[in-house]
Amino acid sequence: MAENDRDRRRRDRLKEYRSKRNASRTPEPTGGTSPPDGAPRFVIQKHAATTLHYDFRLEADGVLLSWAVPKGLSADPRDKRLALRTEDHPVDYLDFEGTIPGGEYGAGRVIVWDAGTYRPLVHGEVREVSVIDAVERGHVSFWLDGEKVRGGYALTRTGDQAGKERWVLVKRKDEAADARRDPVGSRPGSVRTGRTLEDLEDEP
């Protein structure tokens, strides 16, 4: 019974995602949820929608918790990046690249800018904690192991903006911090295919 209850909660977490999309028109996955299997994963998708931004997603409890980060992740602990919470996404969105058609929610080109695994942090130490609970409380810290982004980061909820939760994303001070490095500006392509957003624009 407990397993059925968890499955039901996971399905409900994708209700908003599915309500915003027409599966017959968009190539985005309608997917389901996925049980934990190894280290939890993250993805950062570069998304040329109405405005260019980076969709940051953490795998937790069979879905992807998601935030839109206009300027992307920084390697400089002094930077405070706005992050707007968006609806949970299905786990198979981890690999999504393509063009969402005009007129559809989130219309625009999408590439997998970075991806990898992550570990939750508590007071700077790796701990087994419920990321879902931490996000609901309004603060979550984690260590990212990606190709372009690495090290400790923290997300803190600060209020609301245009009906969405407003969060601040910061780089923690650790050995991976580097104020001289600009991962967003220096490495624009996909870690899956090497394509850029401009490459997608040229595809049929």
C-alpha atoms as a PDB file:
ATOM      1  CA  MET A   1       0.000   0.000   0.000  1.00  0.00           C
ATOM      2  CA  ALA A   2       2.805   2.410   0.878  1.00  0.00           C
ATOM      3  CA  GLU A   3       4.396   1.884  -2.542  1.00  0.00           C
ATOM      4  CA  ASN A   4       1.089   2.651  -4.262  1.00  0.00           C
ATOM      5  CA  ASP A   5       0.789   5.845  -2.238  1.00  0.00           C
ATOM      6  CA  ARG A   6       4.253   6.948  -3.351  1.00  0.00           C
ATOM      7  CA  ASP A   7       3.452   6.196  -6.983  1.00  0.00           C
ATOM      8  CA  ARG A   8       0.266   8.250  -6.725  1.00  0.00           C
ATOM      9  CA  ARG A   9       2.136  11.224  -5.270  1.00  0.00           C
ATOM     10  CA  ARG A  10       4.682  11.020  -8.077  1.00  0.00           C
ATOM     11  CA  ARG A  11       1.960  10.992 -10.720  1.00  0.00           C
ATOM     12  CA  ASP A  12       0.313  13.997  -9.103  1.00  0.00           C
ATOM     13  CA  ARG A  13       3.622  15.858  -9.184  1.00  0.00           C
ATOM     14  CA  LEU A  14       3.501  15.721 -12.994  1.00  0.00           C
ATOM     15  CA  LYS A  15      -0.100  16.891 -13.282  1.00  0.00           C
ATOM     16  CA  GLU A  16       0.860  20.538 -13.850  1.00  0.00           C
ATOM     17  CA  TYR A  17       3.564  19.555 -16.358  1.00  0.00           C
ATOM     18  CA  ARG A  18       1.117  17.543 -18.463  1.00  0.00           C
ATOM     19  CA  SER A  19      -1.656  20.134 -18.228  1.00  0.00           C
ATOM     20  CA  LYS A  20       0.604  22.717 -19.911  1.00  0.00           C
ATOM     21  CA  ARG A  21       1.556  20.525 -22.883  1.00  0.00           C
ATOM     22  CA  ASN A  22      -0.111  19.022 -25.932  1.00  0.00           C
ATOM     23  CA  ALA A  23       1.555  15.646 -26.432  1.00  0.00           C
ATOM     24  CA  SER A  24       0.531  15.571 -30.108  1.00  0.00           C
ATOM     25  CA  ARG A  25       2.352  18.844 -30.860  1.00  0.00           C
ATOM     26  CA  THR A  26       5.477  18.991 -28.713  1.00  0.00           C
ATOM     27  CA  PRO A  27       8.414  16.547 -28.854  1.00  0.00           C
ATOM     28  CA  GLU A  28       8.870  16.819 -25.089  1.00  0.00           C
ATOM     29  CA  PRO A  29       8.541  13.533 -23.165  1.00  0.00           C
ATOM     30  CA  THR A  30       5.241  12.934 -21.410  1.00  0.00           C
ATOM     31  CA  GLY A  31       7.045  10.206 -19.381  1.00  0.00           C
ATOM     32  CA  GLY A  32       6.368   8.875 -16.033  1.00  0.00           C
ATOM     33  CA  THR A  33       8.388   8.689 -12.894  1.00  0.00           C
ATOM     34  CA  SER A  34      11.410   6.616 -12.044  1.00  0.00           C
ATOM     35  CA  PRO A  35      12.456   4.929  -8.801  1.00  0.00           C
ATOM     36  CA  PRO A  36      15.898   5.838  -7.388  1.00  0.00           C
ATOM     37  CA  ASP A  37      18.733   3.959  -9.080  1.00  0.00           C
ATOM     38  CA  GLY A  38      22.216   4.977  -8.006  1.00  0.00           C
ATOM     39  CA  ALA A  39      23.284   8.558  -7.383  1.00  0.00           C
ATOM     40  CA  PRO A  40      20.577  11.152  -8.123  1.00  0.00           C
ATOM     41  CA  ARG A  41      21.115  13.083 -11.333  1.00  0.00           C
ATOM     42  CA  PHE A  42      20.881  16.708 -12.384  1.00  0.00           C
ATOM     43  CA  VAL A  43      20.599  18.455 -15.727  1.00  0.00           C
ATOM     44  CA  ILE A  44      20.998  22.054 -16.881  1.00  0.00           C
ATOM     45  CA  GLN A  45      19.205  22.779 -20.137  1.00  0.00           C
ATOM     46  CA  LYS A  46      19.950  25.904 -22.138  1.00  0.00           C
ATOM     47  CA  HIS A  47      16.572  27.136 -23.345  1.00  0.00           C
ATOM     48  CA  ALA A  48      15.990  29.851 -25.938  1.00  0.00           C
ATOM     49  CA  ALA A  49      12.347  30.586 -25.164  1.00  0.00           C
ATOM     50  CA  THR A  50      10.854  34.100 -24.908  1.00  0.00           C
ATOM     51  CA  THR A  51      14.121  34.923 -23.164  1.00  0.00           C
ATOM     52  CA  LEU A  52      17.293  32.847 -22.995  1.00  0.00           C
ATOM     53  CA  HIS A  53      17.675  31.039 -19.693  1.00  0.00           C
ATOM     54  CA  TYR A  54      18.985  27.857 -18.106  1.00  0.00           C
ATOM     55  CA  ASP A  55      16.607  25.222 -16.695  1.00  0.00           C
ATOM     56  CA  PHE A  56      18.189  23.621 -13.639  1.00  0.00           C
ATOM     57  CA  ARG A  57      16.700  20.282 -12.589  1.00  0.00           C
ATOM     58  CA  LEU A  58      17.397  17.932  -9.671  1.00  0.00           C
ATOM     59  CA  GLU A  59      16.179  14.326  -9.675  1.00  0.00           C
ATOM     60  CA  ALA A  60      14.265  13.558  -6.474  1.00  0.00           C
ATOM     61  CA  ASP A  61      11.528  11.045  -5.626  1.00  0.00           C
ATOM     62  CA  GLY A  62      11.049  10.001  -9.247  1.00  0.00           C
ATOM     63  CA  VAL A  63      10.670  13.478 -10.797  1.00  0.00           C
ATOM     64  CA  LEU A  64      12.856  16.452 -11.706  1.00  0.00           C
ATOM     65  CA  LEU A  65      12.517  19.460  -9.406  1.00  0.00           C
ATOM     66  CA  SER A  66      12.986  22.473 -11.675  1.00  0.00           C
ATOM     67  CA  TRP A  67      14.052  26.112 -11.636  1.00  0.00           C
ATOM     68  CA  ALA A  68      14.572  28.628 -14.459  1.00  0.00           C
ATOM     69  CA  VAL A  69      17.874  30.474 -13.953  1.00  0.00           C
ATOM     70  CA  PRO A  70      18.132  33.487 -16.314  1.00  0.00           C
ATOM     71  CA  LYS A  71      21.930  33.857 -16.100  1.00  0.00           C
ATOM     72  CA  GLY A  72      22.854  30.228 -15.488  1.00  0.00           C
ATOM     73  CA  LEU A  73      25.108  28.835 -12.780  1.00  0.00           C
ATOM     74  CA  SER A  74      28.230  30.719 -11.714  1.00  0.00           C
ATOM     75  CA  ALA A  75      31.545  29.409 -10.356  1.00  0.00           C
ATOM     76  CA  ASP A  76      31.954  32.611  -8.292  1.00  0.00           C
ATOM     77  CA  PRO A  77      30.564  32.495  -4.700  1.00  0.00           C
ATOM     78  CA  ARG A  78      29.998  36.255  -4.834  1.00  0.00           C
ATOM     79  CA  ASP A  79      27.336  35.884  -7.530  1.00  0.00           C
ATOM     80  CA  LYS A  80      23.696  35.549  -6.501  1.00  0.00           C
ATOM     81  CA  ARG A  81      21.619  34.133  -9.321  1.00  0.00           C
ATOM     82  CA  LEU A  82      17.850  34.489  -9.526  1.00  0.00           C
ATOM     83  CA  ALA A  83      16.087  31.120  -9.900  1.00  0.00           C
ATOM     84  CA  LEU A  84      12.332  30.868 -10.519  1.00  0.00           C
ATOM     85  CA  ARG A  85      10.718  27.604  -9.471  1.00  0.00           C
ATOM     86  CA  THR A  86       8.803  25.883 -12.275  1.00  0.00           C
ATOM     87  CA  GLU A  87       6.692  22.735 -12.442  1.00  0.00           C
ATOM     88  CA  ASP A  88       8.224  19.321 -11.797  1.00  0.00           C
ATOM     89  CA  HIS A  89       9.303  17.478 -14.954  1.00  0.00           C
ATOM     90  CA  PRO A  90       9.422  13.757 -15.793  1.00  0.00           C
ATOM     91  CA  VAL A  91      12.776  12.023 -15.336  1.00  0.00           C
ATOM     92  CA  ASP A  92      13.137  11.304 -19.059  1.00  0.00           C
ATOM     93  CA  TYR A  93      13.450  15.080 -19.566  1.00  0.00           C
ATOM     94  CA  LEU A  94      17.082  14.561 -18.506  1.00  0.00           C
ATOM     95  CA  ASP A  95      17.955  13.768 -22.133  1.00  0.00           C
ATOM     96  CA  PHE A  96      15.589  16.120 -23.944  1.00  0.00           C
ATOM     97  CA  GLU A  97      16.998  18.262 -26.737  1.00  0.00           C
ATOM     98  CA  GLY A  98      14.997  19.755 -29.559  1.00  0.00           C
ATOM     99  CA  THR A  99      12.650  22.532 -30.563  1.00  0.00           C
ATOM    100  CA  ILE A 100       9.353  23.141 -28.797  1.00  0.00           C
ATOM    101  CA  PRO A 101       6.997  24.457 -31.535  1.00  0.00           C
ATOM    102  CA  GLY A 102       5.731  28.019 -31.613  1.00  0.00           C
ATOM    103  CA  GLY A 103       2.459  28.486 -29.771  1.00  0.00           C
ATOM    104  CA  GLU A 104       3.292  25.749 -27.265  1.00  0.00           C
ATOM    105  CA  TYR A 105       4.246  26.325 -23.636  1.00  0.00           C
ATOM    106  CA  GLY A 106       7.980  27.102 -23.459  1.00  0.00           C
ATOM    107  CA  ALA A 107       8.307  27.384 -27.244  1.00  0.00           C
ATOM    108  CA  GLY A 108      11.933  27.521 -28.329  1.00  0.00           C
ATOM    109  CA  ARG A 109      15.139  25.532 -28.701  1.00  0.00           C
ATOM    110  CA  VAL A 110      16.581  23.358 -25.917  1.00  0.00           C
ATOM    111  CA  ILE A 111      19.964  21.662 -25.464  1.00  0.00           C
ATOM    112  CA  VAL A 112      21.465  19.715 -22.551  1.00  0.00           C
ATOM    113  CA  TRP A 113      24.097  22.246 -21.520  1.00  0.00           C
ATOM    114  CA  ASP A 114      25.395  20.173 -18.606  1.00  0.00           C
ATOM    115  CA  ALA A 115      24.481  16.982 -16.754  1.00  0.00           C
ATOM    116  CA  GLY A 116      25.801  14.696 -14.048  1.00  0.00           C
ATOM    117  CA  THR A 117      25.057  13.485 -10.539  1.00  0.00           C
ATOM    118  CA  TYR A 118      24.636  15.329  -7.266  1.00  0.00           C
ATOM    119  CA  ARG A 119      24.851  14.716  -3.525  1.00  0.00           C
ATOM    120  CA  PRO A 120      22.788  16.538  -0.872  1.00  0.00           C
ATOM    121  CA  LEU A 121      24.774  18.630   1.619  1.00  0.00           C
ATOM    122  CA  VAL A 122      23.954  19.494   5.224  1.00  0.00           C
ATOM    123  CA  HIS A 123      26.217  22.128   6.813  1.00  0.00           C
ATOM    124  CA  GLY A 124      28.724  21.468   4.038  1.00  0.00           C
ATOM    125  CA  GLU A 125      28.843  17.706   4.546  1.00  0.00           C
ATOM    126  CA  VAL A 126      27.331  15.022   2.322  1.00  0.00           C
ATOM    127  CA  ARG A 127      24.244  13.587   4.040  1.00  0.00           C
ATOM    128  CA  GLU A 128      21.357  11.322   3.116  1.00  0.00           C
ATOM    129  CA  VAL A 129      18.389  13.695   3.343  1.00  0.00           C
ATOM    130  CA  SER A 130      15.040  14.153   1.622  1.00  0.00           C
ATOM    131  CA  VAL A 131      15.635  16.750  -1.087  1.00  0.00           C
ATOM    132  CA  ILE A 132      11.854  17.052  -1.538  1.00  0.00           C
ATOM    133  CA  ASP A 133      11.470  18.011   2.145  1.00  0.00           C
ATOM    134  CA  ALA A 134      14.390  20.450   1.974  1.00  0.00           C
ATOM    135  CA  VAL A 135      12.885  22.209  -1.056  1.00  0.00           C
ATOM    136  CA  GLU A 136       9.490  22.413   0.627  1.00  0.00           C
ATOM    137  CA  ARG A 137      11.184  24.045   3.637  1.00  0.00           C
ATOM    138  CA  GLY A 138      12.799  26.585   1.302  1.00  0.00           C
ATOM    139  CA  HIS A 139      16.498  25.717   1.409  1.00  0.00           C
ATOM    140  CA  VAL A 140      18.527  22.951  -0.217  1.00  0.00           C
ATOM    141  CA  SER A 141      22.287  22.504  -0.585  1.00  0.00           C
ATOM    142  CA  PHE A 142      24.037  20.036  -2.857  1.00  0.00           C
ATOM    143  CA  TRP A 143      27.330  19.076  -4.481  1.00  0.00           C
ATOM    144  CA  LEU A 144      27.235  18.871  -8.293  1.00  0.00           C
ATOM    145  CA  ASP A 145      29.466  16.573 -10.330  1.00  0.00           C
ATOM    146  CA  GLY A 146      28.956  17.709 -13.925  1.00  0.00           C
ATOM    147  CA  GLU A 147      31.167  18.250 -16.956  1.00  0.00           C
ATOM    148  CA  LYS A 148      30.965  22.050 -16.790  1.00  0.00           C
ATOM    149  CA  VAL A 149      29.693  22.737 -13.281  1.00  0.00           C
ATOM    150  CA  ARG A 150      31.154  21.221 -10.132  1.00  0.00           C
ATOM    151  CA  GLY A 151      31.098  21.890  -6.410  1.00  0.00           C
ATOM    152  CA  GLY A 152      28.709  22.962  -3.711  1.00  0.00           C
ATOM    153  CA  TYR A 153      25.668  25.125  -4.405  1.00  0.00           C
ATOM    154  CA  ALA A 154      22.680  26.290  -2.382  1.00  0.00           C
ATOM    155  CA  LEU A 155      19.152  27.296  -3.347  1.00  0.00           C
ATOM    156  CA  THR A 156      17.128  29.471  -0.965  1.00  0.00           C
ATOM    157  CA  ARG A 157      13.530  30.591  -1.433  1.00  0.00           C
ATOM    158  CA  THR A 158      13.119  34.352  -1.002  1.00  0.00           C
ATOM    159  CA  GLY A 159       9.518  35.083  -2.044  1.00  0.00           C
ATOM    160  CA  ASP A 160       7.284  35.163  -5.113  1.00  0.00           C
ATOM    161  CA  GLN A 161       7.555  36.780  -8.537  1.00  0.00           C
ATOM    162  CA  ALA A 162       4.702  36.814 -11.056  1.00  0.00           C
ATOM    163  CA  GLY A 163       3.072  33.823  -9.387  1.00  0.00           C
ATOM    164  CA  LYS A 164       6.297  31.792  -9.214  1.00  0.00           C
ATOM    165  CA  GLU A 165       8.499  31.061  -6.233  1.00  0.00           C
ATOM    166  CA  ARG A 166      11.587  33.269  -6.310  1.00  0.00           C
ATOM    167  CA  TRP A 167      14.818  31.591  -5.188  1.00  0.00           C
ATOM    168  CA  VAL A 168      18.475  32.613  -5.022  1.00  0.00           C
ATOM    169  CA  LEU A 169      21.155  30.199  -6.287  1.00  0.00           C
ATOM    170  CA  VAL A 170      24.716  30.663  -5.007  1.00  0.00           C
ATOM    171  CA  LYS A 171      28.021  28.825  -5.333  1.00  0.00           C
ATOM    172  CA  ARG A 172      29.461  27.653  -2.005  1.00  0.00           C
ATOM    173  CA  LYS A 173      33.044  28.523  -1.059  1.00  0.00           C
ATOM    174  CA  ASP A 174      34.991  25.328  -1.712  1.00  0.00           C
ATOM    175  CA  GLU A 175      37.816  23.944  -3.840  1.00  0.00           C
ATOM    176  CA  ALA A 176      35.645  24.113  -6.972  1.00  0.00           C
ATOM    177  CA  ALA A 177      34.956  27.852  -6.614  1.00  0.00           C
ATOM    178  CA  ASP A 178      36.749  30.009  -9.190  1.00  0.00           C
ATOM    179  CA  ALA A 179      35.824  33.663  -9.745  1.00  0.00           C
ATOM    180  CA  ARG A 180      37.889  33.717 -12.956  1.00  0.00           C
ATOM    181  CA  ARG A 181      35.955  30.905 -14.651  1.00  0.00           C
ATOM    182  CA  ASP A 182      32.811  31.574 -16.709  1.00  0.00           C
ATOM    183  CA  PRO A 183      31.237  28.196 -17.566  1.00  0.00           C
ATOM    184  CA  VAL A 184      28.189  29.766 -19.239  1.00  0.00           C
ATOM    185  CA  GLY A 185      30.152  32.058 -21.538  1.00  0.00           C
ATOM    186  CA  SER A 186      33.048  29.750 -22.378  1.00  0.00           C
ATOM    187  CA  ARG A 187      31.216  26.478 -23.123  1.00  0.00           C
ATOM    188  CA  PRO A 188      27.961  27.061 -25.032  1.00  0.00           C
ATOM    189  CA  GLY A 189      27.385  23.594 -26.557  1.00  0.00           C
ATOM    190  CA  SER A 190      25.503  20.471 -25.493  1.00  0.00           C
ATOM    191  CA  VAL A 191      27.314  17.853 -23.410  1.00  0.00           C
ATOM    192  CA  ARG A 192      25.149  15.194 -25.103  1.00  0.00           C
ATOM    193  CA  THR A 193      25.602  16.052 -28.789  1.00  0.00           C
ATOM    194  CA  GLY A 194      27.948  19.031 -29.031  1.00  0.00           C
ATOM    195  CA  ARG A 195      25.204  21.033 -30.764  1.00  0.00           C
ATOM    196  CA  THR A 196      24.565  24.675 -29.963  1.00  0.00           C
ATOM    197  CA  LEU A 197      21.210  26.447 -29.968  1.00  0.00           C
ATOM    198  CA  GLU A 198      22.204  27.938 -33.311  1.00  0.00           C
ATOM    199  CA  ASP A 199      22.706  24.442 -34.721  1.00  0.00           C
ATOM    200  CA  LEU A 200      19.114  23.577 -33.773  1.00  0.00           C
ATOM    201  CA  GLU A 201      17.888  26.709 -35.527  1.00  0.00           C
ATOM    202  CA  ASP A 202      19.355  25.399 -38.778  1.00  0.00           C
ATOM    203  CA  GLU A 203      17.731  21.963 -38.458  1.00  0.00           C
ATOM    204  CA  PRO A 204      14.394  21.220 -40.191  1.00  0.00           C
END
